[in-house]
Amino acid sequence: MYCLQTQRTFTATHAIVMRGVLETPHSHDWRVRLTVTGPTLDNDGLLCDFHLLEGLLDAAISPFRGADLNGTPPFDTLNPTAEHVAMHIATTIRPDLPSGLTGLQISVTEATGCEATCTMELTQ
């Protein structure tokens, strides 16, 4: 099994609801790591083109750069937790991944030691 990773960062503000209470808005330097897996390499010895993955990740996080997540779709109607951010990025990227990959993982770090991960199995 082969694994490729790329990561990007963005700064954004959010305020999540925990136990029915909306916390005070605050900013994070979010780190997003995209990981794909697959069993075989192509004729060039590649699992996937890094530039493709970087472009997909850049496009997925572009609306969030410098934004208040609470006012940015889909988080204007969805609690902007790290878990939801990871899930949204994964579901945004998934349709554009090339065939042959078997796994997608998006990990979102909002603060040192605080990381949420969304993992998806991909069908061939």
PDB file of N, CA and C in Angstrom:
ATOM      1  N   MET A   1       0.857  -1.184   0.000  1.00  0.00           N
ATOM      2  CA  MET A   1       0.000   0.000   0.000  1.00  0.00           C
ATOM      3  C   MET A   1       0.895   1.236   0.000  1.00  0.00           C
ATOM      4  N   TYR A   2       0.530   2.211  -0.822  1.00  0.00           N
ATOM      5  CA  TYR A   2       1.267   3.463  -0.908  1.00  0.00           C
ATOM      6  C   TYR A   2       0.424   4.588  -0.321  1.00  0.00           C
ATOM      7  N   CYS A   3       1.102   5.605   0.158  1.00  0.00           N
ATOM      8  CA  CYS A   3       0.435   6.706   0.833  1.00  0.00           C
ATOM      9  C   CYS A   3       1.095   8.016   0.402  1.00  0.00           C
ATOM     10  N   LEU A   4       0.302   8.984   0.011  1.00  0.00           N
ATOM     11  CA  LEU A   4       0.786  10.329  -0.301  1.00  0.00           C
ATOM     12  C   LEU A   4       0.107  11.314   0.631  1.00  0.00           C
ATOM     13  N   GLN A   5       0.857  12.331   1.043  1.00  0.00           N
ATOM     14  CA  GLN A   5       0.299  13.370   1.897  1.00  0.00           C
ATOM     15  C   GLN A   5       0.735  14.735   1.399  1.00  0.00           C
ATOM     16  N   THR A   6      -0.141  15.688   1.538  1.00  0.00           N
ATOM     17  CA  THR A   6       0.200  17.088   1.334  1.00  0.00           C
ATOM     18  C   THR A   6      -0.585  17.887   2.360  1.00  0.00           C
ATOM     19  N   GLN A   7      -0.093  19.048   2.689  1.00  0.00           N
ATOM     20  CA  GLN A   7      -0.819  19.846   3.672  1.00  0.00           C
ATOM     21  C   GLN A   7      -0.777  21.317   3.321  1.00  0.00           C
ATOM     22  N   ARG A   8      -1.750  22.008   3.856  1.00  0.00           N
ATOM     23  CA  ARG A   8      -1.895  23.438   3.668  1.00  0.00           C
ATOM     24  C   ARG A   8      -2.341  24.037   4.997  1.00  0.00           C
ATOM     25  N   THR A   9      -2.210  25.362   5.101  1.00  0.00           N
ATOM     26  CA  THR A   9      -2.684  26.067   6.288  1.00  0.00           C
ATOM     27  C   THR A   9      -3.574  27.232   5.854  1.00  0.00           C
ATOM     28  N   PHE A  10      -4.438  27.622   6.757  1.00  0.00           N
ATOM     29  CA  PHE A  10      -5.241  28.825   6.551  1.00  0.00           C
ATOM     30  C   PHE A  10      -5.619  29.373   7.915  1.00  0.00           C
ATOM     31  N   THR A  11      -5.873  30.658   7.967  1.00  0.00           N
ATOM     32  CA  THR A  11      -6.314  31.308   9.193  1.00  0.00           C
ATOM     33  C   THR A  11      -7.796  31.618   9.051  1.00  0.00           C
ATOM     34  N   ALA A  12      -8.565  31.262  10.075  1.00  0.00           N
ATOM     35  CA  ALA A  12     -10.002  31.535  10.068  1.00  0.00           C
ATOM     36  C   ALA A  12     -10.509  31.616  11.501  1.00  0.00           C
ATOM     37  N   THR A  13     -11.626  32.291  11.638  1.00  0.00           N
ATOM     38  CA  THR A  13     -12.299  32.444  12.925  1.00  0.00           C
ATOM     39  C   THR A  13     -13.496  31.510  12.964  1.00  0.00           C
ATOM     40  N   HIS A  14     -13.805  31.027  14.160  1.00  0.00           N
ATOM     41  CA  HIS A  14     -15.043  30.273  14.336  1.00  0.00           C
ATOM     42  C   HIS A  14     -15.488  30.361  15.786  1.00  0.00           C
ATOM     43  N   ALA A  15     -16.723  29.979  16.009  1.00  0.00           N
ATOM     44  CA  ALA A  15     -17.291  29.844  17.351  1.00  0.00           C
ATOM     45  C   ALA A  15     -18.214  28.639  17.283  1.00  0.00           C
ATOM     46  N   ILE A  16     -17.906  27.614  18.053  1.00  0.00           N
ATOM     47  CA  ILE A  16     -18.729  26.410  17.991  1.00  0.00           C
ATOM     48  C   ILE A  16     -19.716  26.366  19.150  1.00  0.00           C
ATOM     49  N   VAL A  17     -20.772  25.616  18.937  1.00  0.00           N
ATOM     50  CA  VAL A  17     -21.757  25.375  19.985  1.00  0.00           C
ATOM     51  C   VAL A  17     -21.364  24.085  20.691  1.00  0.00           C
ATOM     52  N   MET A  18     -21.168  24.191  22.005  1.00  0.00           N
ATOM     53  CA  MET A  18     -20.872  23.004  22.820  1.00  0.00           C
ATOM     54  C   MET A  18     -21.861  22.955  23.969  1.00  0.00           C
ATOM     55  N   ARG A  19     -22.570  21.821  24.046  1.00  0.00           N
ATOM     56  CA  ARG A  19     -23.579  21.626  25.087  1.00  0.00           C
ATOM     57  C   ARG A  19     -24.599  22.764  25.106  1.00  0.00           C
ATOM     58  N   GLY A  20     -24.963  23.217  23.897  1.00  0.00           N
ATOM     59  CA  GLY A  20     -25.992  24.240  23.764  1.00  0.00           C
ATOM     60  C   GLY A  20     -25.520  25.666  23.936  1.00  0.00           C
ATOM     61  N   VAL A  21     -24.233  25.871  24.177  1.00  0.00           N
ATOM     62  CA  VAL A  21     -23.711  27.216  24.412  1.00  0.00           C
ATOM     63  C   VAL A  21     -22.744  27.592  23.291  1.00  0.00           C
ATOM     64  N   LEU A  22     -22.960  28.768  22.697  1.00  0.00           N
ATOM     65  CA  LEU A  22     -22.068  29.265  21.654  1.00  0.00           C
ATOM     66  C   LEU A  22     -20.861  29.912  22.314  1.00  0.00           C
ATOM     67  N   GLU A  23     -19.678  29.390  21.985  1.00  0.00           N
ATOM     68  CA  GLU A  23     -18.469  29.954  22.576  1.00  0.00           C
ATOM     69  C   GLU A  23     -18.123  31.291  21.923  1.00  0.00           C
ATOM     70  N   THR A  24     -17.204  32.002  22.514  1.00  0.00           N
ATOM     71  CA  THR A  24     -16.739  33.275  21.983  1.00  0.00           C
ATOM     72  C   THR A  24     -15.970  33.039  20.685  1.00  0.00           C
ATOM     73  N   PRO A  25     -16.229  33.839  19.653  1.00  0.00           N
ATOM     74  CA  PRO A  25     -15.470  33.675  18.405  1.00  0.00           C
ATOM     75  C   PRO A  25     -13.972  33.846  18.646  1.00  0.00           C
ATOM     76  N   HIS A  26     -13.202  33.018  17.979  1.00  0.00           N
ATOM     77  CA  HIS A  26     -11.744  33.053  18.109  1.00  0.00           C
ATOM     78  C   HIS A  26     -11.116  32.537  16.821  1.00  0.00           C
ATOM     79  N   SER A  27      -9.865  32.880  16.635  1.00  0.00           N
ATOM     80  CA  SER A  27      -9.163  32.549  15.400  1.00  0.00           C
ATOM     81  C   SER A  27      -8.174  31.412  15.622  1.00  0.00           C
ATOM     82  N   HIS A  28      -7.949  30.643  14.568  1.00  0.00           N
ATOM     83  CA  HIS A  28      -6.943  29.579  14.568  1.00  0.00           C
ATOM     84  C   HIS A  28      -6.124  29.679  13.294  1.00  0.00           C
ATOM     85  N   ASP A  29      -4.906  29.201  13.372  1.00  0.00           N
ATOM     86  CA  ASP A  29      -4.118  28.887  12.187  1.00  0.00           C
ATOM     87  C   ASP A  29      -4.346  27.408  11.943  1.00  0.00           C
ATOM     88  N   TRP A  30      -5.306  27.098  11.093  1.00  0.00           N
ATOM     89  CA  TRP A  30      -5.715  25.728  10.825  1.00  0.00           C
ATOM     90  C   TRP A  30      -4.685  25.050   9.920  1.00  0.00           C
ATOM     91  N   ARG A  31      -4.375  23.791  10.199  1.00  0.00           N
ATOM     92  CA  ARG A  31      -3.525  22.990   9.321  1.00  0.00           C
ATOM     93  C   ARG A  31      -4.372  21.838   8.799  1.00  0.00           C
ATOM     94  N   VAL A  32      -4.361  21.640   7.499  1.00  0.00           N
ATOM     95  CA  VAL A  32      -5.136  20.566   6.874  1.00  0.00           C
ATOM     96  C   VAL A  32      -4.168  19.640   6.152  1.00  0.00           C
ATOM     97  N   ARG A  33      -4.231  18.366   6.489  1.00  0.00           N
ATOM     98  CA  ARG A  33      -3.390  17.356   5.841  1.00  0.00           C
ATOM     99  C   ARG A  33      -4.279  16.412   5.046  1.00  0.00           C
ATOM    100  N   LEU A  34      -3.988  16.281   3.762  1.00  0.00           N
ATOM    101  CA  LEU A  34      -4.705  15.379   2.866  1.00  0.00           C
ATOM    102  C   LEU A  34      -3.822  14.157   2.656  1.00  0.00           C
ATOM    103  N   THR A  35      -4.388  12.979   2.870  1.00  0.00           N
ATOM    104  CA  THR A  35      -3.675  11.718   2.657  1.00  0.00           C
ATOM    105  C   THR A  35      -4.510  10.851   1.732  1.00  0.00           C
ATOM    106  N   VAL A  36      -3.869  10.290   0.711  1.00  0.00           N
ATOM    107  CA  VAL A  36      -4.527   9.302  -0.140  1.00  0.00           C
ATOM    108  C   VAL A  36      -3.702   8.025  -0.115  1.00  0.00           C
ATOM    109  N   THR A  37      -4.404   6.901  -0.272  1.00  0.00           N
ATOM    110  CA  THR A  37      -3.735   5.604  -0.297  1.00  0.00           C
ATOM    111  C   THR A  37      -4.189   4.824  -1.523  1.00  0.00           C
ATOM    112  N   GLY A  38      -3.346   3.892  -1.914  1.00  0.00           N
ATOM    113  CA  GLY A  38      -3.677   3.022  -3.032  1.00  0.00           C
ATOM    114  C   GLY A  38      -2.666   1.896  -3.131  1.00  0.00           C
ATOM    115  N   PRO A  39      -3.051   0.792  -3.770  1.00  0.00           N
ATOM    116  CA  PRO A  39      -2.211  -0.405  -3.791  1.00  0.00           C
ATOM    117  C   PRO A  39      -1.158  -0.436  -4.896  1.00  0.00           C
ATOM    118  N   THR A  40      -1.336   0.379  -5.941  1.00  0.00           N
ATOM    119  CA  THR A  40      -0.427   0.251  -7.083  1.00  0.00           C
ATOM    120  C   THR A  40       0.018   1.611  -7.600  1.00  0.00           C
ATOM    121  N   LEU A  41       1.159   1.602  -8.261  1.00  0.00           N
ATOM    122  CA  LEU A  41       1.693   2.798  -8.897  1.00  0.00           C
ATOM    123  C   LEU A  41       1.417   2.738 -10.394  1.00  0.00           C
ATOM    124  N   ASP A  42       1.384   3.893 -11.033  1.00  0.00           N
ATOM    125  CA  ASP A  42       1.186   3.908 -12.482  1.00  0.00           C
ATOM    126  C   ASP A  42       2.508   3.618 -13.198  1.00  0.00           C
ATOM    127  N   ASN A  43       2.501   3.702 -14.511  1.00  0.00           N
ATOM    128  CA  ASN A  43       3.693   3.387 -15.302  1.00  0.00           C
ATOM    129  C   ASN A  43       4.864   4.324 -15.023  1.00  0.00           C
ATOM    130  N   ASP A  44       4.580   5.498 -14.471  1.00  0.00           N
ATOM    131  CA  ASP A  44       5.634   6.449 -14.121  1.00  0.00           C
ATOM    132  C   ASP A  44       6.130   6.273 -12.688  1.00  0.00           C
ATOM    133  N   GLY A  45       5.551   5.297 -11.970  1.00  0.00           N
ATOM    134  CA  GLY A  45       5.941   5.074 -10.581  1.00  0.00           C
ATOM    135  C   GLY A  45       5.264   6.006  -9.600  1.00  0.00           C
ATOM    136  N   LEU A  46       4.088   6.504  -9.980  1.00  0.00           N
ATOM    137  CA  LEU A  46       3.345   7.443  -9.140  1.00  0.00           C
ATOM    138  C   LEU A  46       2.035   6.832  -8.666  1.00  0.00           C
ATOM    139  N   LEU A  47       1.684   7.109  -7.425  1.00  0.00           N
ATOM    140  CA  LEU A  47       0.340   6.784  -6.950  1.00  0.00           C
ATOM    141  C   LEU A  47      -0.641   7.831  -7.478  1.00  0.00           C
ATOM    142  N   CYS A  48      -0.224   9.089  -7.402  1.00  0.00           N
ATOM    143  CA  CYS A  48      -1.061  10.214  -7.814  1.00  0.00           C
ATOM    144  C   CYS A  48      -0.147  11.421  -7.971  1.00  0.00           C
ATOM    145  N   ASP A  49      -0.554  12.379  -8.751  1.00  0.00           N
ATOM    146  CA  ASP A  49       0.215  13.600  -8.950  1.00  0.00           C
ATOM    147  C   ASP A  49       0.052  14.517  -7.735  1.00  0.00           C
ATOM    148  N   PHE A  50       1.173  14.876  -7.089  1.00  0.00           N
ATOM    149  CA  PHE A  50       1.117  15.792  -5.947  1.00  0.00           C
ATOM    150  C   PHE A  50       0.454  17.115  -6.327  1.00  0.00           C
ATOM    151  N   HIS A  51       0.725  17.608  -7.531  1.00  0.00           N
ATOM    152  CA  HIS A  51       0.160  18.891  -7.945  1.00  0.00           C
ATOM    153  C   HIS A  51      -1.365  18.834  -8.008  1.00  0.00           C
ATOM    154  N   LEU A  52      -1.909  17.709  -8.425  1.00  0.00           N
ATOM    155  CA  LEU A  52      -3.358  17.537  -8.435  1.00  0.00           C
ATOM    156  C   LEU A  52      -3.903  17.624  -7.012  1.00  0.00           C
ATOM    157  N   LEU A  53      -3.282  16.901  -6.082  1.00  0.00           N
ATOM    158  CA  LEU A  53      -3.740  16.913  -4.689  1.00  0.00           C
ATOM    159  C   LEU A  53      -3.641  18.315  -4.093  1.00  0.00           C
ATOM    160  N   GLU A  54      -2.539  19.002  -4.362  1.00  0.00           N
ATOM    161  CA  GLU A  54      -2.373  20.360  -3.843  1.00  0.00           C
ATOM    162  C   GLU A  54      -3.453  21.289  -4.395  1.00  0.00           C
ATOM    163  N   GLY A  55      -3.747  21.159  -5.672  1.00  0.00           N
ATOM    164  CA  GLY A  55      -4.788  21.987  -6.278  1.00  0.00           C
ATOM    165  C   GLY A  55      -6.165  21.719  -5.700  1.00  0.00           C
ATOM    166  N   LEU A  56      -6.476  20.439  -5.485  1.00  0.00           N
ATOM    167  CA  LEU A  56      -7.774  20.085  -4.897  1.00  0.00           C
ATOM    168  C   LEU A  56      -7.898  20.628  -3.480  1.00  0.00           C
ATOM    169  N   LEU A  57      -6.829  20.500  -2.701  1.00  0.00           N
ATOM    170  CA  LEU A  57      -6.865  20.985  -1.324  1.00  0.00           C
ATOM    171  C   LEU A  57      -6.947  22.509  -1.299  1.00  0.00           C
ATOM    172  N   ASP A  58      -6.165  23.173  -2.135  1.00  0.00           N
ATOM    173  CA  ASP A  58      -6.234  24.640  -2.197  1.00  0.00           C
ATOM    174  C   ASP A  58      -7.648  25.114  -2.536  1.00  0.00           C
ATOM    175  N   ALA A  59      -8.271  24.474  -3.510  1.00  0.00           N
ATOM    176  CA  ALA A  59      -9.626  24.864  -3.911  1.00  0.00           C
ATOM    177  C   ALA A  59     -10.632  24.619  -2.789  1.00  0.00           C
ATOM    178  N   ALA A  60     -10.471  23.522  -2.064  1.00  0.00           N
ATOM    179  CA  ALA A  60     -11.422  23.185  -0.996  1.00  0.00           C
ATOM    180  C   ALA A  60     -11.344  24.151   0.177  1.00  0.00           C
ATOM    181  N   ILE A  61     -10.148  24.645   0.490  1.00  0.00           N
ATOM    182  CA  ILE A  61     -10.014  25.536   1.651  1.00  0.00           C
ATOM    183  C   ILE A  61     -10.061  27.014   1.277  1.00  0.00           C
ATOM    184  N   SER A  62     -10.020  27.329   0.005  1.00  0.00           N
ATOM    185  CA  SER A  62      -9.997  28.722  -0.441  1.00  0.00           C
ATOM    186  C   SER A  62     -11.110  29.582   0.165  1.00  0.00           C
ATOM    187  N   PRO A  63     -12.358  29.105   0.239  1.00  0.00           N
ATOM    188  CA  PRO A  63     -13.419  29.945   0.809  1.00  0.00           C
ATOM    189  C   PRO A  63     -13.222  30.252   2.298  1.00  0.00           C
ATOM    190  N   PHE A  64     -12.361  29.499   2.971  1.00  0.00           N
ATOM    191  CA  PHE A  64     -12.201  29.646   4.416  1.00  0.00           C
ATOM    192  C   PHE A  64     -11.054  30.575   4.807  1.00  0.00           C
ATOM    193  N   ARG A  65     -10.158  30.868   3.873  1.00  0.00           N
ATOM    194  CA  ARG A  65      -8.984  31.701   4.193  1.00  0.00           C
ATOM    195  C   ARG A  65      -9.420  33.097   4.643  1.00  0.00           C
ATOM    196  N   GLY A  66      -9.039  33.449   5.886  1.00  0.00           N
ATOM    197  CA  GLY A  66      -9.360  34.757   6.432  1.00  0.00           C
ATOM    198  C   GLY A  66     -10.823  34.970   6.757  1.00  0.00           C
ATOM    199  N   ALA A  67     -11.601  33.906   6.730  1.00  0.00           N
ATOM    200  CA  ALA A  67     -13.058  34.019   6.890  1.00  0.00           C
ATOM    201  C   ALA A  67     -13.505  33.747   8.324  1.00  0.00           C
ATOM    202  N   ASP A  68     -14.725  34.176   8.591  1.00  0.00           N
ATOM    203  CA  ASP A  68     -15.450  33.733   9.777  1.00  0.00           C
ATOM    204  C   ASP A  68     -16.233  32.507   9.324  1.00  0.00           C
ATOM    205  N   LEU A  69     -15.834  31.331   9.787  1.00  0.00           N
ATOM    206  CA  LEU A  69     -16.468  30.097   9.318  1.00  0.00           C
ATOM    207  C   LEU A  69     -17.966  30.081   9.596  1.00  0.00           C
ATOM    208  N   ASN A  70     -18.389  30.699  10.683  1.00  0.00           N
ATOM    209  CA  ASN A  70     -19.811  30.695  11.027  1.00  0.00           C
ATOM    210  C   ASN A  70     -20.674  31.398   9.978  1.00  0.00           C
ATOM    211  N   GLY A  71     -20.081  32.244   9.159  1.00  0.00           N
ATOM    212  CA  GLY A  71     -20.825  32.927   8.111  1.00  0.00           C
ATOM    213  C   GLY A  71     -20.512  32.415   6.720  1.00  0.00           C
ATOM    214  N   THR A  72     -19.761  31.317   6.649  1.00  0.00           N
ATOM    215  CA  THR A  72     -19.313  30.772   5.367  1.00  0.00           C
ATOM    216  C   THR A  72     -19.934  29.396   5.147  1.00  0.00           C
ATOM    217  N   PRO A  73     -20.655  29.199   4.037  1.00  0.00           N
ATOM    218  CA  PRO A  73     -21.222  27.870   3.770  1.00  0.00           C
ATOM    219  C   PRO A  73     -20.135  26.796   3.734  1.00  0.00           C
ATOM    220  N   PRO A  74     -20.419  25.623   4.249  1.00  0.00           N
ATOM    221  CA  PRO A  74     -21.678  25.155   4.814  1.00  0.00           C
ATOM    222  C   PRO A  74     -21.833  25.456   6.299  1.00  0.00           C
ATOM    223  N   PHE A  75     -20.859  26.182   6.866  1.00  0.00           N
ATOM    224  CA  PHE A  75     -20.845  26.365   8.314  1.00  0.00           C
ATOM    225  C   PHE A  75     -21.761  27.483   8.786  1.00  0.00           C
ATOM    226  N   ASP A  76     -22.445  28.126   7.861  1.00  0.00           N
ATOM    227  CA  ASP A  76     -23.489  29.066   8.254  1.00  0.00           C
ATOM    228  C   ASP A  76     -24.708  28.311   8.782  1.00  0.00           C
ATOM    229  N   THR A  77     -24.788  27.002   8.478  1.00  0.00           N
ATOM    230  CA  THR A  77     -25.880  26.163   8.996  1.00  0.00           C
ATOM    231  C   THR A  77     -25.367  24.893   9.668  1.00  0.00           C
ATOM    232  N   LEU A  78     -24.055  24.748   9.783  1.00  0.00           N
ATOM    233  CA  LEU A  78     -23.439  23.549  10.355  1.00  0.00           C
ATOM    234  C   LEU A  78     -22.393  23.993  11.367  1.00  0.00           C
ATOM    235  N   ASN A  79     -22.428  23.436  12.572  1.00  0.00           N
ATOM    236  CA  ASN A  79     -21.484  23.789  13.622  1.00  0.00           C
ATOM    237  C   ASN A  79     -20.048  23.627  13.095  1.00  0.00           C
ATOM    238  N   PRO A  80     -19.236  24.697  13.082  1.00  0.00           N
ATOM    239  CA  PRO A  80     -17.912  24.642  12.460  1.00  0.00           C
ATOM    240  C   PRO A  80     -16.842  23.989  13.344  1.00  0.00           C
ATOM    241  N   THR A  81     -17.097  22.754  13.720  1.00  0.00           N
ATOM    242  CA  THR A  81     -16.118  21.994  14.498  1.00  0.00           C
ATOM    243  C   THR A  81     -15.001  21.507  13.578  1.00  0.00           C
ATOM    244  N   ALA A  82     -13.885  21.135  14.156  1.00  0.00           N
ATOM    245  CA  ALA A  82     -12.788  20.570  13.360  1.00  0.00           C
ATOM    246  C   ALA A  82     -13.254  19.307  12.640  1.00  0.00           C
ATOM    247  N   GLU A  83     -14.117  18.527  13.293  1.00  0.00           N
ATOM    248  CA  GLU A  83     -14.648  17.311  12.672  1.00  0.00           C
ATOM    249  C   GLU A  83     -15.459  17.635  11.423  1.00  0.00           C
ATOM    250  N   HIS A  84     -16.324  18.654  11.529  1.00  0.00           N
ATOM    251  CA  HIS A  84     -17.133  19.041  10.372  1.00  0.00           C
ATOM    252  C   HIS A  84     -16.280  19.660   9.263  1.00  0.00           C
ATOM    253  N   VAL A  85     -15.251  20.418   9.643  1.00  0.00           N
ATOM    254  CA  VAL A  85     -14.353  20.982   8.630  1.00  0.00           C
ATOM    255  C   VAL A  85     -13.666  19.850   7.867  1.00  0.00           C
ATOM    256  N   ALA A  86     -13.171  18.847   8.589  1.00  0.00           N
ATOM    257  CA  ALA A  86     -12.511  17.702   7.948  1.00  0.00           C
ATOM    258  C   ALA A  86     -13.478  16.963   7.022  1.00  0.00           C
ATOM    259  N   MET A  87     -14.694  16.722   7.489  1.00  0.00           N
ATOM    260  CA  MET A  87     -15.687  16.016   6.676  1.00  0.00           C
ATOM    261  C   MET A  87     -16.029  16.812   5.415  1.00  0.00           C
ATOM    262  N   HIS A  88     -16.218  18.116   5.564  1.00  0.00           N
ATOM    263  CA  HIS A  88     -16.562  18.947   4.409  1.00  0.00           C
ATOM    264  C   HIS A  88     -15.444  18.929   3.366  1.00  0.00           C
ATOM    265  N   ILE A  89     -14.218  19.073   3.798  1.00  0.00           N
ATOM    266  CA  ILE A  89     -13.095  19.067   2.854  1.00  0.00           C
ATOM    267  C   ILE A  89     -13.003  17.714   2.160  1.00  0.00           C
ATOM    268  N   ALA A  90     -13.167  16.629   2.911  1.00  0.00           N
ATOM    269  CA  ALA A  90     -13.104  15.288   2.316  1.00  0.00           C
ATOM    270  C   ALA A  90     -14.204  15.091   1.274  1.00  0.00           C
ATOM    271  N   THR A  91     -15.425  15.482   1.591  1.00  0.00           N
ATOM    272  CA  THR A  91     -16.523  15.279   0.641  1.00  0.00           C
ATOM    273  C   THR A  91     -16.399  16.209  -0.569  1.00  0.00           C
ATOM    274  N   THR A  92     -15.750  17.347  -0.395  1.00  0.00           N
ATOM    275  CA  THR A  92     -15.509  18.260  -1.513  1.00  0.00           C
ATOM    276  C   THR A  92     -14.466  17.693  -2.470  1.00  0.00           C
ATOM    277  N   ILE A  93     -13.415  17.118  -1.926  1.00  0.00           N
ATOM    278  CA  ILE A  93     -12.296  16.615  -2.729  1.00  0.00           C
ATOM    279  C   ILE A  93     -12.603  15.264  -3.370  1.00  0.00           C
ATOM    280  N   ARG A  94     -13.325  14.429  -2.677  1.00  0.00           N
ATOM    281  CA  ARG A  94     -13.530  13.037  -3.103  1.00  0.00           C
ATOM    282  C   ARG A  94     -13.934  12.860  -4.570  1.00  0.00           C
ATOM    283  N   PRO A  95     -14.916  13.590  -5.086  1.00  0.00           N
ATOM    284  CA  PRO A  95     -15.349  13.335  -6.472  1.00  0.00           C
ATOM    285  C   PRO A  95     -14.279  13.612  -7.528  1.00  0.00           C
ATOM    286  N   ASP A  96     -13.283  14.403  -7.193  1.00  0.00           N
ATOM    287  CA  ASP A  96     -12.271  14.795  -8.172  1.00  0.00           C
ATOM    288  C   ASP A  96     -10.982  13.986  -8.093  1.00  0.00           C
ATOM    289  N   LEU A  97     -10.956  12.990  -7.215  1.00  0.00           N
ATOM    290  CA  LEU A  97      -9.757  12.151  -7.105  1.00  0.00           C
ATOM    291  C   LEU A  97      -9.693  11.162  -8.267  1.00  0.00           C
ATOM    292  N   PRO A  98      -8.498  10.848  -8.731  1.00  0.00           N
ATOM    293  CA  PRO A  98      -8.373   9.890  -9.835  1.00  0.00           C
ATOM    294  C   PRO A  98      -8.705   8.471  -9.390  1.00  0.00           C
ATOM    295  N   SER A  99      -9.026   7.632 -10.347  1.00  0.00           N
ATOM    296  CA  SER A  99      -9.308   6.231 -10.035  1.00  0.00           C
ATOM    297  C   SER A  99      -8.022   5.547  -9.581  1.00  0.00           C
ATOM    298  N   GLY A 100      -8.179   4.428  -8.916  1.00  0.00           N
ATOM    299  CA  GLY A 100      -7.040   3.654  -8.436  1.00  0.00           C
ATOM    300  C   GLY A 100      -6.696   3.908  -6.987  1.00  0.00           C
ATOM    301  N   LEU A 101      -7.221   4.991  -6.419  1.00  0.00           N
ATOM    302  CA  LEU A 101      -6.992   5.265  -5.003  1.00  0.00           C
ATOM    303  C   LEU A 101      -8.020   4.511  -4.177  1.00  0.00           C
ATOM    304  N   THR A 102      -7.618   4.054  -3.008  1.00  0.00           N
ATOM    305  CA  THR A 102      -8.530   3.274  -2.168  1.00  0.00           C
ATOM    306  C   THR A 102      -8.896   3.962  -0.855  1.00  0.00           C
ATOM    307  N   GLY A 103      -8.197   5.027  -0.513  1.00  0.00           N
ATOM    308  CA  GLY A 103      -8.495   5.702   0.737  1.00  0.00           C
ATOM    309  C   GLY A 103      -8.209   7.186   0.668  1.00  0.00           C
ATOM    310  N   LEU A 104      -9.005   7.953   1.407  1.00  0.00           N
ATOM    311  CA  LEU A 104      -8.841   9.395   1.543  1.00  0.00           C
ATOM    312  C   LEU A 104      -8.949   9.724   3.017  1.00  0.00           C
ATOM    313  N   GLN A 105      -8.032  10.536   3.490  1.00  0.00           N
ATOM    314  CA  GLN A 105      -8.073  10.971   4.881  1.00  0.00           C
ATOM    315  C   GLN A 105      -7.771  12.467   4.920  1.00  0.00           C
ATOM    316  N   ILE A 106      -8.598  13.198   5.640  1.00  0.00           N
ATOM    317  CA  ILE A 106      -8.371  14.622   5.875  1.00  0.00           C
ATOM    318  C   ILE A 106      -8.234  14.815   7.378  1.00  0.00           C
ATOM    319  N   SER A 107      -7.101  15.371   7.787  1.00  0.00           N
ATOM    320  CA  SER A 107      -6.865  15.690   9.194  1.00  0.00           C
ATOM    321  C   SER A 107      -6.786  17.201   9.329  1.00  0.00           C
ATOM    322  N   VAL A 108      -7.502  17.726  10.306  1.00  0.00           N
ATOM    323  CA  VAL A 108      -7.564  19.160  10.545  1.00  0.00           C
ATOM    324  C   VAL A 108      -7.066  19.429  11.957  1.00  0.00           C
ATOM    325  N   THR A 109      -6.056  20.283  12.051  1.00  0.00           N
ATOM    326  CA  THR A 109      -5.525  20.701  13.346  1.00  0.00           C
ATOM    327  C   THR A 109      -5.887  22.162  13.538  1.00  0.00           C
ATOM    328  N   GLU A 110      -6.623  22.444  14.610  1.00  0.00           N
ATOM    329  CA  GLU A 110      -6.988  23.833  14.876  1.00  0.00           C
ATOM    330  C   GLU A 110      -6.080  24.448  15.930  1.00  0.00           C
ATOM    331  N   ALA A 111      -5.425  23.619  16.731  1.00  0.00           N
ATOM    332  CA  ALA A 111      -4.463  24.074  17.737  1.00  0.00           C
ATOM    333  C   ALA A 111      -3.524  22.906  18.022  1.00  0.00           C
ATOM    334  N   THR A 112      -2.335  23.203  18.479  1.00  0.00           N
ATOM    335  CA  THR A 112      -1.359  22.158  18.756  1.00  0.00           C
ATOM    336  C   THR A 112      -1.975  21.083  19.643  1.00  0.00           C
ATOM    337  N   GLY A 113      -1.911  19.836  19.170  1.00  0.00           N
ATOM    338  CA  GLY A 113      -2.442  18.714  19.932  1.00  0.00           C
ATOM    339  C   GLY A 113      -3.931  18.475  19.763  1.00  0.00           C
ATOM    340  N   CYS A 114      -4.605  19.296  18.964  1.00  0.00           N
ATOM    341  CA  CYS A 114      -6.052  19.166  18.762  1.00  0.00           C
ATOM    342  C   CYS A 114      -6.325  18.907  17.284  1.00  0.00           C
ATOM    343  N   GLU A 115      -6.502  17.645  16.928  1.00  0.00           N
ATOM    344  CA  GLU A 115      -6.655  17.249  15.528  1.00  0.00           C
ATOM    345  C   GLU A 115      -7.883  16.369  15.362  1.00  0.00           C
ATOM    346  N   ALA A 116      -8.630  16.626  14.299  1.00  0.00           N
ATOM    347  CA  ALA A 116      -9.778  15.790  13.939  1.00  0.00           C
ATOM    348  C   ALA A 116      -9.519  15.210  12.556  1.00  0.00           C
ATOM    349  N   THR A 117      -9.944  13.961  12.355  1.00  0.00           N
ATOM    350  CA  THR A 117      -9.685  13.273  11.093  1.00  0.00           C
ATOM    351  C   THR A 117     -10.964  12.661  10.551  1.00  0.00           C
ATOM    352  N   CYS A 118     -11.164  12.812   9.247  1.00  0.00           N
ATOM    353  CA  CYS A 118     -12.249  12.152   8.531  1.00  0.00           C
ATOM    354  C   CYS A 118     -11.609  11.197   7.532  1.00  0.00           C
ATOM    355  N   THR A 119     -11.972   9.921   7.605  1.00  0.00           N
ATOM    356  CA  THR A 119     -11.414   8.892   6.734  1.00  0.00           C
ATOM    357  C   THR A 119     -12.523   8.314   5.871  1.00  0.00           C
ATOM    358  N   MET A 120     -12.236   8.166   4.581  1.00  0.00           N
ATOM    359  CA  MET A 120     -13.204   7.593   3.641  1.00  0.00           C
ATOM    360  C   MET A 120     -12.536   6.502   2.826  1.00  0.00           C
ATOM    361  N   GLU A 121     -13.252   5.394   2.658  1.00  0.00           N
ATOM    362  CA  GLU A 121     -12.803   4.364   1.729  1.00  0.00           C
ATOM    363  C   GLU A 121     -13.294   4.751   0.345  1.00  0.00           C
ATOM    364  N   LEU A 122     -12.446   4.570  -0.639  1.00  0.00           N
ATOM    365  CA  LEU A 122     -12.800   4.891  -2.019  1.00  0.00           C
ATOM    366  C   LEU A 122     -12.982   3.603  -2.794  1.00  0.00           C
ATOM    367  N   THR A 123     -13.968   3.581  -3.665  1.00  0.00           N
ATOM    368  CA  THR A 123     -14.186   2.395  -4.488  1.00  0.00           C
ATOM    369  C   THR A 123     -13.457   2.559  -5.804  1.00  0.00           C
ATOM    370  N   GLN A 124     -13.041   1.443  -6.345  1.00  0.00           N
ATOM    371  CA  GLN A 124     -12.279   1.461  -7.600  1.00  0.00           C
ATOM    372  C   GLN A 124     -13.205   1.667  -8.773  1.00  0.00           C
TER     373      GLN A 124
END
